[in-house]
């Protein structure tokens, strides 16, 4: 099940860039961005919610992803 978290950071915790949206996923997911017209990159950040493991997906548009070609770290 996917959802939208209430509290989100201003920048993506994975790459440090701005993002368009964030979703939280409690179950298995599949990501295919090969021909995505809206998003160029999705950064994944592991987390926990109410004691359960979740994945946060930070969705970057093509313009946001082009602003930085590398992740922090």
PDB file of N, CA and C in Angstrom:
ATOM      1  N   UNK A   1       0.836  -1.176   0.000  1.00  0.00           N
ATOM      2  CA  UNK A   1       0.000   0.000   0.000  1.00  0.00           C
ATOM      3  C   UNK A   1       0.883   1.242   0.000  1.00  0.00           C
ATOM      4  N   UNK A   2       0.583   2.203  -0.857  1.00  0.00           N
ATOM      5  CA  UNK A   2       1.321   3.462  -0.929  1.00  0.00           C
ATOM      6  C   UNK A   2       0.501   4.562  -0.285  1.00  0.00           C
ATOM      7  N   UNK A   3       1.189   5.568   0.205  1.00  0.00           N
ATOM      8  CA  UNK A   3       0.522   6.711   0.794  1.00  0.00           C
ATOM      9  C   UNK A   3       1.400   7.940   0.702  1.00  0.00           C
ATOM     10  N   UNK A   4       0.891   9.051   1.162  1.00  0.00           N
ATOM     11  CA  UNK A   4       1.640  10.295   1.174  1.00  0.00           C
ATOM     12  C   UNK A   4       1.904  10.657   2.628  1.00  0.00           C
ATOM     13  N   UNK A   5       3.176  10.773   3.023  1.00  0.00           N
ATOM     14  CA  UNK A   5       3.487  11.102   4.417  1.00  0.00           C
ATOM     15  C   UNK A   5       3.105  12.545   4.744  1.00  0.00           C
ATOM     16  N   UNK A   6       2.831  12.798   6.022  1.00  0.00           N
ATOM     17  CA  UNK A   6       2.439  14.137   6.462  1.00  0.00           C
ATOM     18  C   UNK A   6       3.640  15.072   6.583  1.00  0.00           C
ATOM     19  N   UNK A   7       4.707  14.614   7.205  1.00  0.00           N
ATOM     20  CA  UNK A   7       5.899  15.432   7.403  1.00  0.00           C
ATOM     21  C   UNK A   7       6.959  15.016   6.396  1.00  0.00           C
ATOM     22  N   UNK A   8       7.366  15.942   5.542  1.00  0.00           N
ATOM     23  CA  UNK A   8       8.389  15.638   4.548  1.00  0.00           C
ATOM     24  C   UNK A   8       9.485  16.697   4.608  1.00  0.00           C
ATOM     25  N   UNK A   9      10.729  16.296   4.349  1.00  0.00           N
ATOM     26  CA  UNK A   9      11.822  17.264   4.355  1.00  0.00           C
ATOM     27  C   UNK A   9      11.766  18.177   3.129  1.00  0.00           C
ATOM     28  N   UNK A  10      12.424  19.321   3.217  1.00  0.00           N
ATOM     29  CA  UNK A  10      12.450  20.265   2.093  1.00  0.00           C
ATOM     30  C   UNK A  10      13.228  19.690   0.916  1.00  0.00           C
ATOM     31  N   UNK A  11      14.287  18.935   1.190  1.00  0.00           N
ATOM     32  CA  UNK A  11      15.115  18.330   0.142  1.00  0.00           C
ATOM     33  C   UNK A  11      15.160  16.820   0.331  1.00  0.00           C
ATOM     34  N   UNK A  12      15.429  16.116  -0.746  1.00  0.00           N
ATOM     35  CA  UNK A  12      15.542  14.659  -0.730  1.00  0.00           C
ATOM     36  C   UNK A  12      16.705  14.235   0.171  1.00  0.00           C
ATOM     37  N   UNK A  13      16.488  13.342   1.129  1.00  0.00           N
ATOM     38  CA  UNK A  13      17.567  12.899   2.006  1.00  0.00           C
ATOM     39  C   UNK A  13      18.606  12.027   1.298  1.00  0.00           C
ATOM     40  N   UNK A  14      18.285  11.497   0.134  1.00  0.00           N
ATOM     41  CA  UNK A  14      19.216  10.648  -0.602  1.00  0.00           C
ATOM     42  C   UNK A  14      20.191  11.461  -1.440  1.00  0.00           C
ATOM     43  N   UNK A  15      19.677  12.429  -2.216  1.00  0.00           N
ATOM     44  CA  UNK A  15      20.548  13.192  -3.121  1.00  0.00           C
ATOM     45  C   UNK A  15      20.689  14.660  -2.737  1.00  0.00           C
ATOM     46  N   UNK A  16      19.862  15.146  -1.810  1.00  0.00           N
ATOM     47  CA  UNK A  16      19.958  16.519  -1.364  1.00  0.00           C
ATOM     48  C   UNK A  16      19.282  17.542  -2.254  1.00  0.00           C
ATOM     49  N   UNK A  17      18.605  17.102  -3.322  1.00  0.00           N
ATOM     50  CA  UNK A  17      17.955  18.009  -4.276  1.00  0.00           C
ATOM     51  C   UNK A  17      16.477  18.199  -3.938  1.00  0.00           C
ATOM     52  N   UNK A  18      15.873  19.231  -4.515  1.00  0.00           N
ATOM     53  CA  UNK A  18      14.430  19.408  -4.381  1.00  0.00           C
ATOM     54  C   UNK A  18      13.723  18.283  -5.135  1.00  0.00           C
ATOM     55  N   UNK A  19      12.490  18.034  -4.795  1.00  0.00           N
ATOM     56  CA  UNK A  19      11.709  16.980  -5.429  1.00  0.00           C
ATOM     57  C   UNK A  19      10.289  17.470  -5.597  1.00  0.00           C
ATOM     58  N   UNK A  20       9.546  16.815  -6.473  1.00  0.00           N
ATOM     59  CA  UNK A  20       8.164  17.221  -6.715  1.00  0.00           C
ATOM     60  C   UNK A  20       7.195  16.614  -5.710  1.00  0.00           C
ATOM     61  N   UNK A  21       7.384  15.339  -5.383  1.00  0.00           N
ATOM     62  CA  UNK A  21       6.466  14.673  -4.471  1.00  0.00           C
ATOM     63  C   UNK A  21       7.182  13.524  -3.767  1.00  0.00           C
ATOM     64  N   UNK A  22       6.546  13.030  -2.725  1.00  0.00           N
ATOM     65  CA  UNK A  22       7.077  11.882  -1.982  1.00  0.00           C
ATOM     66  C   UNK A  22       5.911  10.964  -1.632  1.00  0.00           C
ATOM     67  N   UNK A  23       6.163   9.659  -1.730  1.00  0.00           N
ATOM     68  CA  UNK A  23       5.187   8.664  -1.304  1.00  0.00           C
ATOM     69  C   UNK A  23       5.883   7.684  -0.374  1.00  0.00           C
ATOM     70  N   UNK A  24       5.106   7.009   0.451  1.00  0.00           N
ATOM     71  CA  UNK A  24       5.645   5.999   1.348  1.00  0.00           C
ATOM     72  C   UNK A  24       4.999   4.666   1.000  1.00  0.00           C
ATOM     73  N   UNK A  25       5.828   3.621   0.956  1.00  0.00           N
ATOM     74  CA  UNK A  25       5.372   2.300   0.522  1.00  0.00           C
ATOM     75  C   UNK A  25       5.653   1.272   1.616  1.00  0.00           C
ATOM     76  N   UNK A  26       4.637   0.489   1.931  1.00  0.00           N
ATOM     77  CA  UNK A  26       4.736  -0.530   2.973  1.00  0.00           C
ATOM     78  C   UNK A  26       4.921  -1.933   2.405  1.00  0.00           C
ATOM     79  N   UNK A  27       4.698  -2.088   1.102  1.00  0.00           N
ATOM     80  CA  UNK A  27       4.772  -3.399   0.466  1.00  0.00           C
ATOM     81  C   UNK A  27       5.712  -3.346  -0.719  1.00  0.00           C
ATOM     82  N   UNK A  28       5.845  -4.430  -1.443  1.00  0.00           N
ATOM     83  CA  UNK A  28       6.710  -4.497  -2.605  1.00  0.00           C
ATOM     84  C   UNK A  28       6.335  -3.487  -3.671  1.00  0.00           C
ATOM     85  N   UNK A  29       7.322  -3.032  -4.394  1.00  0.00           N
ATOM     86  CA  UNK A  29       7.112  -2.039  -5.439  1.00  0.00           C
ATOM     87  C   UNK A  29       7.932  -2.386  -6.670  1.00  0.00           C
ATOM     88  N   UNK A  30       7.551  -1.804  -7.812  1.00  0.00           N
ATOM     89  CA  UNK A  30       8.324  -1.931  -9.032  1.00  0.00           C
ATOM     90  C   UNK A  30       8.511  -0.524  -9.582  1.00  0.00           C
ATOM     91  N   UNK A  31       9.729  -0.210 -10.031  1.00  0.00           N
ATOM     92  CA  UNK A  31      10.029   1.115 -10.560  1.00  0.00           C
ATOM     93  C   UNK A  31      10.557   0.967 -11.978  1.00  0.00           C
ATOM     94  N   UNK A  32       9.939   1.664 -12.929  1.00  0.00           N
ATOM     95  CA  UNK A  32      10.403   1.691 -14.312  1.00  0.00           C
ATOM     96  C   UNK A  32      10.298   3.133 -14.792  1.00  0.00           C
ATOM     97  N   UNK A  33      11.438   3.783 -15.008  1.00  0.00           N
ATOM     98  CA  UNK A  33      11.442   5.169 -15.445  1.00  0.00           C
ATOM     99  C   UNK A  33      12.016   5.327 -16.845  1.00  0.00           C
ATOM    100  N   UNK A  34      12.118   4.248 -17.590  1.00  0.00           N
ATOM    101  CA  UNK A  34      12.729   4.307 -18.908  1.00  0.00           C
ATOM    102  C   UNK A  34      12.031   5.291 -19.842  1.00  0.00           C
ATOM    103  N   UNK A  35      10.734   5.321 -19.821  1.00  0.00           N
ATOM    104  CA  UNK A  35       9.988   6.199 -20.719  1.00  0.00           C
ATOM    105  C   UNK A  35       8.959   7.006 -19.942  1.00  0.00           C
ATOM    106  N   UNK A  36       9.346   7.507 -18.792  1.00  0.00           N
ATOM    107  CA  UNK A  36       8.428   8.258 -17.950  1.00  0.00           C
ATOM    108  C   UNK A  36       8.454   9.728 -18.348  1.00  0.00           C
ATOM    109  N   UNK A  37       7.315  10.264 -18.756  1.00  0.00           N
ATOM    110  CA  UNK A  37       7.242  11.651 -19.202  1.00  0.00           C
ATOM    111  C   UNK A  37       7.328  12.639 -18.051  1.00  0.00           C
ATOM    112  N   UNK A  38       6.966  12.219 -16.855  1.00  0.00           N
ATOM    113  CA  UNK A  38       6.902  13.147 -15.717  1.00  0.00           C
ATOM    114  C   UNK A  38       8.162  13.120 -14.856  1.00  0.00           C
ATOM    115  N   UNK A  39       8.647  11.926 -14.521  1.00  0.00           N
ATOM    116  CA  UNK A  39       9.784  11.813 -13.601  1.00  0.00           C
ATOM    117  C   UNK A  39      11.007  11.228 -14.283  1.00  0.00           C
ATOM    118  N   UNK A  40      12.151  11.780 -13.923  1.00  0.00           N
ATOM    119  CA  UNK A  40      13.433  11.305 -14.438  1.00  0.00           C
ATOM    120  C   UNK A  40      14.088  10.358 -13.436  1.00  0.00           C
ATOM    121  N   UNK A  41      13.909  10.652 -12.148  1.00  0.00           N
ATOM    122  CA  UNK A  41      14.576   9.859 -11.114  1.00  0.00           C
ATOM    123  C   UNK A  41      13.667   9.756  -9.901  1.00  0.00           C
ATOM    124  N   UNK A  42      13.743   8.617  -9.223  1.00  0.00           N
ATOM    125  CA  UNK A  42      13.083   8.418  -7.938  1.00  0.00           C
ATOM    126  C   UNK A  42      14.142   7.916  -6.971  1.00  0.00           C
ATOM    127  N   UNK A  43      14.384   8.674  -5.911  1.00  0.00           N
ATOM    128  CA  UNK A  43      15.333   8.245  -4.878  1.00  0.00           C
ATOM    129  C   UNK A  43      14.562   7.473  -3.812  1.00  0.00           C
ATOM    130  N   UNK A  44      15.159   6.418  -3.304  1.00  0.00           N
ATOM    131  CA  UNK A  44      14.530   5.583  -2.282  1.00  0.00           C
ATOM    132  C   UNK A  44      15.245   5.773  -0.962  1.00  0.00           C
ATOM    133  N   UNK A  45      14.484   5.950   0.103  1.00  0.00           N
ATOM    134  CA  UNK A  45      15.045   6.139   1.439  1.00  0.00           C
ATOM    135  C   UNK A  45      14.325   5.184   2.396  1.00  0.00           C
ATOM    136  N   UNK A  46      15.052   4.249   3.018  1.00  0.00           N
ATOM    137  CA  UNK A  46      14.405   3.351   3.975  1.00  0.00           C
ATOM    138  C   UNK A  46      13.998   4.106   5.232  1.00  0.00           C
ATOM    139  N   UNK A  47      12.939   3.644   5.861  1.00  0.00           N
ATOM    140  CA  UNK A  47      12.476   4.287   7.082  1.00  0.00           C
ATOM    141  C   UNK A  47      11.563   3.366   7.859  1.00  0.00           C
ATOM    142  N   UNK A  48      10.935   3.914   8.875  1.00  0.00           N
ATOM    143  CA  UNK A  48       9.992   3.158   9.698  1.00  0.00           C
ATOM    144  C   UNK A  48       8.800   4.050  10.015  1.00  0.00           C
ATOM    145  N   UNK A  49       7.650   3.428  10.088  1.00  0.00           N
ATOM    146  CA  UNK A  49       6.424   4.135  10.456  1.00  0.00           C
ATOM    147  C   UNK A  49       5.620   3.218  11.355  1.00  0.00           C
ATOM    148  N   UNK A  50       5.355   3.681  12.551  1.00  0.00           N
ATOM    149  CA  UNK A  50       4.633   2.888  13.549  1.00  0.00           C
ATOM    150  C   UNK A  50       5.258   1.518  13.751  1.00  0.00           C
ATOM    151  N   UNK A  51       6.606   1.492  13.738  1.00  0.00           N
ATOM    152  CA  UNK A  51       7.333   0.257  13.978  1.00  0.00           C
ATOM    153  C   UNK A  51       7.477  -0.666  12.775  1.00  0.00           C
ATOM    154  N   UNK A  52       6.892  -0.309  11.644  1.00  0.00           N
ATOM    155  CA  UNK A  52       6.987  -1.126  10.435  1.00  0.00           C
ATOM    156  C   UNK A  52       7.971  -0.509   9.453  1.00  0.00           C
ATOM    157  N   UNK A  53       8.735  -1.352   8.759  1.00  0.00           N
ATOM    158  CA  UNK A  53       9.675  -0.879   7.745  1.00  0.00           C
ATOM    159  C   UNK A  53       8.904  -0.344   6.536  1.00  0.00           C
ATOM    160  N   UNK A  54       9.366   0.785   5.995  1.00  0.00           N
ATOM    161  CA  UNK A  54       8.752   1.398   4.818  1.00  0.00           C
ATOM    162  C   UNK A  54       9.855   1.933   3.910  1.00  0.00           C
ATOM    163  N   UNK A  55       9.502   2.232   2.681  1.00  0.00           N
ATOM    164  CA  UNK A  55      10.388   2.911   1.736  1.00  0.00           C
ATOM    165  C   UNK A  55       9.730   4.223   1.338  1.00  0.00           C
ATOM    166  N   UNK A  56      10.485   5.306   1.463  1.00  0.00           N
ATOM    167  CA  UNK A  56      10.031   6.607   0.984  1.00  0.00           C
ATOM    168  C   UNK A  56      10.562   6.800  -0.427  1.00  0.00           C
ATOM    169  N   UNK A  57       9.692   7.197  -1.344  1.00  0.00           N
ATOM    170  CA  UNK A  57      10.053   7.466  -2.731  1.00  0.00           C
ATOM    171  C   UNK A  57      10.006   8.973  -2.950  1.00  0.00           C
ATOM    172  N   UNK A  58      11.141   9.562  -3.314  1.00  0.00           N
ATOM    173  CA  UNK A  58      11.232  10.989  -3.612  1.00  0.00           C
ATOM    174  C   UNK A  58      11.286  11.131  -5.132  1.00  0.00           C
ATOM    175  N   UNK A  59      10.245  11.726  -5.719  1.00  0.00           N
ATOM    176  CA  UNK A  59      10.074  11.806  -7.170  1.00  0.00           C
ATOM    177  C   UNK A  59      10.655  13.111  -7.700  1.00  0.00           C
ATOM    178  N   UNK A  60      11.658  12.990  -8.580  1.00  0.00           N
ATOM    179  CA  UNK A  60      12.314  14.148  -9.187  1.00  0.00           C
ATOM    180  C   UNK A  60      11.895  14.271 -10.649  1.00  0.00           C
ATOM    181  N   UNK A  61      11.465  15.463 -11.034  1.00  0.00           N
ATOM    182  CA  UNK A  61      11.125  15.711 -12.436  1.00  0.00           C
ATOM    183  C   UNK A  61      12.407  15.713 -13.265  1.00  0.00           C
ATOM    184  N   UNK A  62      12.263  15.727 -14.563  1.00  0.00           N
ATOM    185  CA  UNK A  62      13.426  15.770 -15.454  1.00  0.00           C
ATOM    186  C   UNK A  62      14.263  17.015 -15.170  1.00  0.00           C
ATOM    187  N   UNK A  63      13.613  18.157 -14.987  1.00  0.00           N
ATOM    188  CA  UNK A  63      14.328  19.404 -14.718  1.00  0.00           C
ATOM    189  C   UNK A  63      15.066  19.344 -13.381  1.00  0.00           C
ATOM    190  N   UNK A  64      14.436  18.805 -12.350  1.00  0.00           N
ATOM    191  CA  UNK A  64      15.091  18.700 -11.042  1.00  0.00           C
ATOM    192  C   UNK A  64      16.277  17.757 -11.099  1.00  0.00           C
ATOM    193  N   UNK A  65      16.171  16.665 -11.813  1.00  0.00           N
ATOM    194  CA  UNK A  65      17.258  15.694 -11.896  1.00  0.00           C
ATOM    195  C   UNK A  65      18.426  16.235 -12.715  1.00  0.00           C
ATOM    196  N   UNK A  66      18.144  17.026 -13.745  1.00  0.00           N
ATOM    197  CA  UNK A  66      19.212  17.593 -14.565  1.00  0.00           C
ATOM    198  C   UNK A  66      20.026  18.626 -13.808  1.00  0.00           C
ATOM    199  N   UNK A  67      19.452  19.223 -12.780  1.00  0.00           N
ATOM    200  CA  UNK A  67      20.152  20.244 -12.000  1.00  0.00           C
ATOM    201  C   UNK A  67      21.355  19.650 -11.274  1.00  0.00           C
ATOM    202  N   UNK A  68      21.340  18.357 -11.025  1.00  0.00           N
ATOM    203  CA  UNK A  68      22.453  17.675 -10.368  1.00  0.00           C
ATOM    204  C   UNK A  68      22.519  16.257 -10.898  1.00  0.00           C
ATOM    205  N   UNK A  69      23.625  15.891 -11.487  1.00  0.00           N
ATOM    206  CA  UNK A  69      23.735  14.562 -12.098  1.00  0.00           C
ATOM    207  C   UNK A  69      24.280  13.516 -11.142  1.00  0.00           C
ATOM    208  N   UNK A  70      24.562  13.876  -9.899  1.00  0.00           N
ATOM    209  CA  UNK A  70      25.118  12.897  -8.954  1.00  0.00           C
ATOM    210  C   UNK A  70      24.426  13.003  -7.596  1.00  0.00           C
ATOM    211  N   UNK A  71      24.424  11.887  -6.900  1.00  0.00           N
ATOM    212  CA  UNK A  71      23.866  11.857  -5.551  1.00  0.00           C
ATOM    213  C   UNK A  71      24.924  12.294  -4.551  1.00  0.00           C
ATOM    214  N   UNK A  72      24.478  12.786  -3.409  1.00  0.00           N
ATOM    215  CA  UNK A  72      25.421  13.180  -2.370  1.00  0.00           C
ATOM    216  C   UNK A  72      26.091  11.959  -1.787  1.00  0.00           C
ATOM    217  N   UNK A  73      27.205  12.189  -1.133  1.00  0.00           N
ATOM    218  CA  UNK A  73      27.842  11.075  -0.429  1.00  0.00           C
ATOM    219  C   UNK A  73      29.072  10.664  -0.980  1.00  0.00           C
TER     220      UNK A  73
END
